[in-house]
């Protein structure tokens, strides 16, 4: 079950990042809602959680950039 939930929020991260990088604001907001249902604390742990799934630091920073463009206020 944990792996399934993790896969769910990881997919939300990927979609939100993609939508953010493409400037698809409405789709990004929808993905954010899904992500925050699964991980309400995600904004405070985004970089650490992304680094657990994607080990390449450049990819992690690209993901963080996309999340910020999608209007996720990342604090960590």
Protein backbone atom coordinates (compact mmCIF):
# COMPACT_ATOMS: atom_id res chain seq x y z
CA UNK A 1 0.00 0.00 0.00
CA UNK A 2 2.80 2.46 0.86
CA UNK A 3 4.46 1.86 -2.50
CA UNK A 4 1.14 2.46 -4.27
CA UNK A 5 0.54 5.73 -2.41
CA UNK A 6 4.11 6.81 -3.12
CA UNK A 7 3.65 6.05 -6.81
CA UNK A 8 0.47 8.15 -6.77
CA UNK A 9 2.08 11.27 -5.37
CA UNK A 10 5.19 10.78 -7.51
CA UNK A 11 2.94 10.85 -10.57
CA UNK A 12 1.31 14.04 -9.27
CA UNK A 13 4.77 15.59 -8.93
CA UNK A 14 5.66 14.62 -12.48
CA UNK A 15 2.39 15.95 -13.90
CA UNK A 16 2.55 19.17 -11.91
CA UNK A 17 6.15 19.76 -12.96
CA UNK A 18 5.33 19.09 -16.59
CA UNK A 19 2.32 21.39 -16.53
CA UNK A 20 4.32 24.07 -14.73
CA UNK A 21 7.15 23.94 -17.25
CA UNK A 22 4.63 24.13 -20.11
CA UNK A 23 2.70 27.00 -18.54
CA UNK A 24 -0.50 24.93 -18.28
CA UNK A 25 -1.78 26.67 -15.15
CA UNK A 26 -5.20 25.03 -14.77
CA UNK A 27 -3.81 21.53 -15.23
CA UNK A 28 -1.03 22.36 -12.77
CA UNK A 29 -3.56 23.53 -10.17
CA UNK A 30 -5.53 20.31 -10.56
CA UNK A 31 -2.39 18.22 -10.13
CA UNK A 32 -1.49 20.31 -7.06
CA UNK A 33 -4.83 19.55 -5.46
CA UNK A 34 -4.27 15.83 -6.05
CA UNK A 35 -0.74 16.01 -4.67
CA UNK A 36 -1.77 17.89 -1.53
CA UNK A 37 -4.53 15.38 -0.81
CA UNK A 38 -1.92 12.63 -0.84
CA UNK A 39 0.86 14.67 0.82
CA UNK A 40 -0.45 17.79 2.61
CA UNK A 41 3.08 18.55 3.87
CA UNK A 42 4.72 18.26 0.47
CA UNK A 43 5.68 21.92 0.03
CA UNK A 44 7.91 21.74 3.11
CA UNK A 45 9.58 18.51 1.98
CA UNK A 46 9.57 18.77 -1.83
CA UNK A 47 13.31 18.77 -2.46
CA UNK A 48 14.01 15.94 0.01
CA UNK A 49 11.16 13.80 -1.32
CA UNK A 50 12.11 14.42 -4.95
CA UNK A 51 15.72 13.46 -4.18
CA UNK A 52 14.51 10.11 -2.82
CA UNK A 53 12.81 9.30 -6.12
CA UNK A 54 15.14 10.98 -8.62
CA UNK A 55 18.79 10.81 -7.64
CA UNK A 56 20.16 13.15 -10.28
CA UNK A 57 20.50 16.56 -8.60
CA UNK A 58 19.98 18.44 -11.89
CA UNK A 59 16.72 16.58 -12.48
CA UNK A 60 15.60 17.32 -8.92
CA UNK A 61 16.28 21.04 -9.42
CA UNK A 62 14.41 20.95 -12.75
CA UNK A 63 11.46 19.34 -10.95
CA UNK A 64 11.59 21.95 -8.18
CA UNK A 65 11.68 24.71 -10.80
CA UNK A 66 8.61 23.25 -12.52
CA UNK A 67 6.78 22.94 -9.21
CA UNK A 68 7.51 26.59 -8.44
CA UNK A 69 6.32 27.66 -11.90
CA UNK A 70 3.13 25.74 -11.13
CA UNK A 71 2.78 27.93 -8.04
CA UNK A 72 3.78 25.49 -5.30
CA UNK A 73 5.33 27.58 -2.52
CA UNK A 74 8.31 25.35 -1.71
CA UNK A 75 9.90 26.17 1.61
CA UNK A 76 12.67 23.56 1.75
